[in-house]
N, C-alpha and C. Protein backbone atom coordinates (compact mmCIF):
# COMPACT_ATOMS: atom_id res chain seq x y z
N MET A 1 -23.44 -19.20 -22.03
CA MET A 1 -22.97 -20.61 -21.08
C MET A 1 -21.54 -20.31 -20.73
N LYS A 2 -21.15 -20.17 -19.16
CA LYS A 2 -19.90 -20.18 -19.35
C LYS A 2 -19.20 -21.24 -18.77
N ASN A 3 -17.90 -21.67 -19.36
CA ASN A 3 -17.08 -22.76 -19.03
C ASN A 3 -16.42 -22.77 -17.95
N VAL A 4 -16.76 -23.74 -17.23
CA VAL A 4 -15.92 -24.08 -15.86
C VAL A 4 -14.57 -25.10 -15.81
N GLU A 5 -13.62 -24.46 -15.55
CA GLU A 5 -12.79 -25.56 -15.31
C GLU A 5 -12.49 -25.90 -13.88
N VAL A 6 -12.31 -27.16 -13.77
CA VAL A 6 -12.44 -28.00 -12.23
C VAL A 6 -10.78 -28.21 -12.08
N VAL A 7 -10.06 -27.71 -11.08
CA VAL A 7 -8.94 -27.60 -10.83
C VAL A 7 -8.54 -28.46 -9.07
N ASP A 8 -7.16 -28.90 -9.23
CA ASP A 8 -7.03 -29.47 -8.02
C ASP A 8 -6.62 -28.47 -6.93
N ALA A 9 -6.53 -28.30 -5.69
CA ALA A 9 -6.05 -27.41 -4.80
C ALA A 9 -4.92 -27.13 -4.77
N LYS A 10 -3.84 -27.95 -5.24
CA LYS A 10 -2.57 -28.25 -5.15
C LYS A 10 -2.12 -27.51 -6.18
N GLU A 11 -3.15 -26.95 -7.41
CA GLU A 11 -2.65 -26.34 -8.56
C GLU A 11 -2.76 -24.56 -8.31
N LEU A 12 -3.52 -24.50 -7.26
CA LEU A 12 -3.73 -22.94 -7.02
C LEU A 12 -2.48 -22.34 -6.44
N GLU A 13 -1.99 -21.04 -6.60
CA GLU A 13 -1.26 -20.23 -5.99
C GLU A 13 -1.65 -19.08 -4.86
N VAL A 14 -1.54 -19.12 -3.68
CA VAL A 14 -2.25 -18.23 -2.68
C VAL A 14 -1.17 -17.37 -2.20
N LYS A 15 -1.48 -16.15 -2.41
CA LYS A 15 -0.69 -15.13 -1.89
C LYS A 15 -1.58 -14.10 -1.12
N PRO A 16 -0.59 -13.34 -0.35
CA PRO A 16 -1.39 -12.28 0.42
C PRO A 16 -1.99 -10.96 -0.71
N PHE A 17 -3.06 -10.18 -0.06
CA PHE A 17 -3.60 -9.62 -0.57
C PHE A 17 -2.85 -8.35 -0.85
N SER A 18 -2.63 -7.64 -1.81
CA SER A 18 -2.02 -6.36 -1.81
C SER A 18 -2.40 -5.07 -2.41
N ILE A 19 -2.94 -4.06 -1.90
CA ILE A 19 -3.75 -2.89 -2.92
C ILE A 19 -3.16 -2.28 -4.02
N ASP A 20 -1.89 -2.76 -3.85
CA ASP A 20 -0.68 -2.20 -5.24
C ASP A 20 -1.18 -3.26 -6.27
N ASP A 21 -1.05 -4.32 -6.09
CA ASP A 21 -1.40 -5.07 -7.37
C ASP A 21 -2.62 -4.25 -8.17
N PHE A 22 -3.55 -3.87 -7.91
CA PHE A 22 -4.83 -3.44 -8.36
C PHE A 22 -4.85 -1.85 -8.80
N LEU A 23 -3.80 -1.19 -8.21
CA LEU A 23 -3.57 -0.04 -8.31
C LEU A 23 -2.51 0.17 -9.82
N GLU A 24 -3.07 1.21 -10.41
CA GLU A 24 -2.22 1.67 -12.03
C GLU A 24 -1.41 2.54 -11.68
N ASP A 25 -0.33 2.70 -12.47
CA ASP A 25 0.64 3.49 -11.80
C ASP A 25 0.29 5.22 -12.31
N LYS A 26 -0.50 5.40 -13.20
CA LYS A 26 -0.68 6.86 -13.22
C LYS A 26 -2.06 7.05 -11.95
N ILE A 27 -2.41 6.60 -11.35
CA ILE A 27 -3.25 6.34 -10.06
C ILE A 27 -2.41 7.01 -9.16
N GLN A 28 -1.20 6.26 -8.84
CA GLN A 28 -0.42 6.47 -7.78
C GLN A 28 0.50 7.79 -8.10
N GLU A 29 0.84 8.17 -9.16
CA GLU A 29 1.69 9.20 -9.85
C GLU A 29 0.61 10.75 -9.32
N ASN A 30 -0.72 10.52 -9.60
CA ASN A 30 -1.48 11.79 -9.24
C ASN A 30 -1.60 11.56 -7.51
N PHE A 31 -1.77 10.64 -6.86
CA PHE A 31 -1.87 10.59 -5.59
C PHE A 31 -0.82 11.44 -4.77
N LEU A 32 0.68 11.07 -5.62
CA LEU A 32 1.41 11.87 -4.83
C LEU A 32 1.42 13.60 -4.93
N LYS A 33 0.38 14.25 -5.45
CA LYS A 33 -0.08 15.60 -5.60
C LYS A 33 0.23 15.86 -3.99
N SER A 34 0.54 17.00 -3.72
CA SER A 34 0.21 17.82 -2.19
C SER A 34 -0.85 18.27 -2.36
N VAL A 35 -1.60 17.87 -1.23
CA VAL A 35 -3.10 18.55 -0.79
C VAL A 35 -2.56 19.63 0.05
N THR A 36 -3.49 21.17 -0.41
CA THR A 36 -3.46 22.13 0.51
C THR A 36 -4.88 22.28 1.43
N LYS A 37 -4.70 23.03 2.46
CA LYS A 37 -5.52 23.26 3.36
C LYS A 37 -6.84 23.75 2.65
N LYS A 38 -6.49 24.56 1.79
CA LYS A 38 -7.73 25.39 0.96
C LYS A 38 -8.37 24.13 0.54
N GLU A 39 -7.86 23.11 -0.28
CA GLU A 39 -8.52 22.43 -0.98
C GLU A 39 -9.38 21.29 -0.03
N LEU A 40 -8.73 21.18 1.00
CA LEU A 40 -9.23 20.16 2.04
C LEU A 40 -10.77 20.79 2.76
N LYS A 41 -10.62 21.78 2.66
CA LYS A 41 -11.59 22.77 3.40
C LYS A 41 -12.74 22.63 2.27
N ALA A 42 -12.59 23.25 1.04
CA ALA A 42 -13.43 23.01 0.00
C ALA A 42 -13.99 21.67 -0.24
N LEU A 43 -13.18 20.54 0.17
CA LEU A 43 -14.09 19.20 0.07
C LEU A 43 -14.95 19.06 1.11
N ALA A 44 -14.71 19.59 2.09
CA ALA A 44 -15.21 19.34 3.50
C ALA A 44 -16.72 20.13 3.46
N LYS A 45 -16.43 21.35 2.96
CA LYS A 45 -17.74 22.26 2.63
C LYS A 45 -18.76 21.57 1.76
N LYS A 46 -17.75 20.99 0.49
CA LYS A 46 -18.68 20.19 -0.82
C LYS A 46 -19.45 18.80 -0.15
N LEU A 47 -18.93 18.03 0.80
CA LEU A 47 -19.48 16.98 1.51
C LEU A 47 -20.14 17.42 2.50
N ASP A 48 -20.42 18.49 2.82
CA ASP A 48 -21.37 19.12 4.20
C ASP A 48 -20.76 18.58 5.51
N LEU A 49 -19.32 18.51 5.52
CA LEU A 49 -18.69 17.93 7.23
C LEU A 49 -18.52 19.34 7.69
N ASP A 50 -18.60 19.19 8.94
CA ASP A 50 -17.79 19.99 10.19
C ASP A 50 -16.71 19.86 10.32
N TYR A 51 -16.08 21.06 10.55
CA TYR A 51 -14.37 20.91 10.66
C TYR A 51 -14.05 22.28 11.11
N ASP A 52 -12.43 22.29 11.82
CA ASP A 52 -11.98 23.21 12.23
C ASP A 52 -10.71 22.93 11.92
N ASN A 53 -9.53 23.85 12.15
CA ASN A 53 -8.36 24.05 11.85
C ASN A 53 -7.55 22.98 11.89
N ALA A 54 -7.93 22.43 13.11
CA ALA A 54 -6.95 21.32 13.96
C ALA A 54 -7.46 20.06 13.47
N GLN A 55 -8.61 19.95 12.89
CA GLN A 55 -8.86 18.45 11.89
C GLN A 55 -8.32 18.57 10.43
N ILE A 56 -8.08 19.98 9.90
CA ILE A 56 -7.64 20.21 8.51
C ILE A 56 -6.19 19.93 8.30
N ALA A 57 -5.70 20.11 9.74
CA ALA A 57 -4.33 19.95 9.78
C ALA A 57 -3.56 19.12 9.85
N PHE A 58 -4.64 18.17 10.54
CA PHE A 58 -4.18 16.58 11.21
C PHE A 58 -4.78 16.00 10.05
N THR A 59 -5.34 16.10 8.94
CA THR A 59 -5.89 15.36 7.85
C THR A 59 -4.58 15.72 6.76
N LYS A 60 -4.07 16.89 6.86
CA LYS A 60 -2.99 17.25 5.87
C LYS A 60 -1.74 16.24 6.04
N LYS A 61 -1.60 16.24 7.30
CA LYS A 61 -0.64 15.45 7.99
C LYS A 61 -0.56 13.72 7.86
N LEU A 62 -1.64 13.60 7.71
CA LEU A 62 -2.11 12.21 7.75
C LEU A 62 -2.07 11.77 6.37
N LEU A 63 -2.18 12.75 5.21
CA LEU A 63 -2.46 11.98 3.88
C LEU A 63 -0.70 12.20 3.37
N HIS A 64 0.06 13.25 3.94
CA HIS A 64 1.48 13.23 3.25
C HIS A 64 2.21 12.18 4.32
N ALA A 65 1.67 11.71 5.49
CA ALA A 65 2.50 10.58 5.70
C ALA A 65 2.13 9.40 5.14
N LEU A 66 0.54 9.25 4.41
CA LEU A 66 0.52 8.06 3.64
C LEU A 66 1.21 7.86 2.04
N VAL A 67 1.37 9.34 1.68
CA VAL A 67 2.40 9.34 0.52
C VAL A 67 3.79 8.97 0.88
N VAL A 68 4.22 9.51 1.95
CA VAL A 68 5.80 9.24 2.29
C VAL A 68 6.25 7.99 2.68
N TYR A 69 5.32 7.15 3.12
CA TYR A 69 5.78 5.69 3.69
C TYR A 69 4.93 4.87 2.93
N ARG A 70 4.58 5.11 1.98
CA ARG A 70 3.85 4.00 0.69
C ARG A 70 4.97 3.21 0.29
């Protein structure tokens, strides 16, 4: 049986949700690795997705922007 502690609402701290609070530094360092078009094509084939070169280029730019502006 678990212990339950009842607290007053004034005792709680409320702050906005931030995904960075749940990510470890190791994950963020690995995320900074540049992704090649060849890797994206291989991933698309592995996931059995249809793609063309424009979509691969857009995805690469999108991932790069996510890393740069993070």
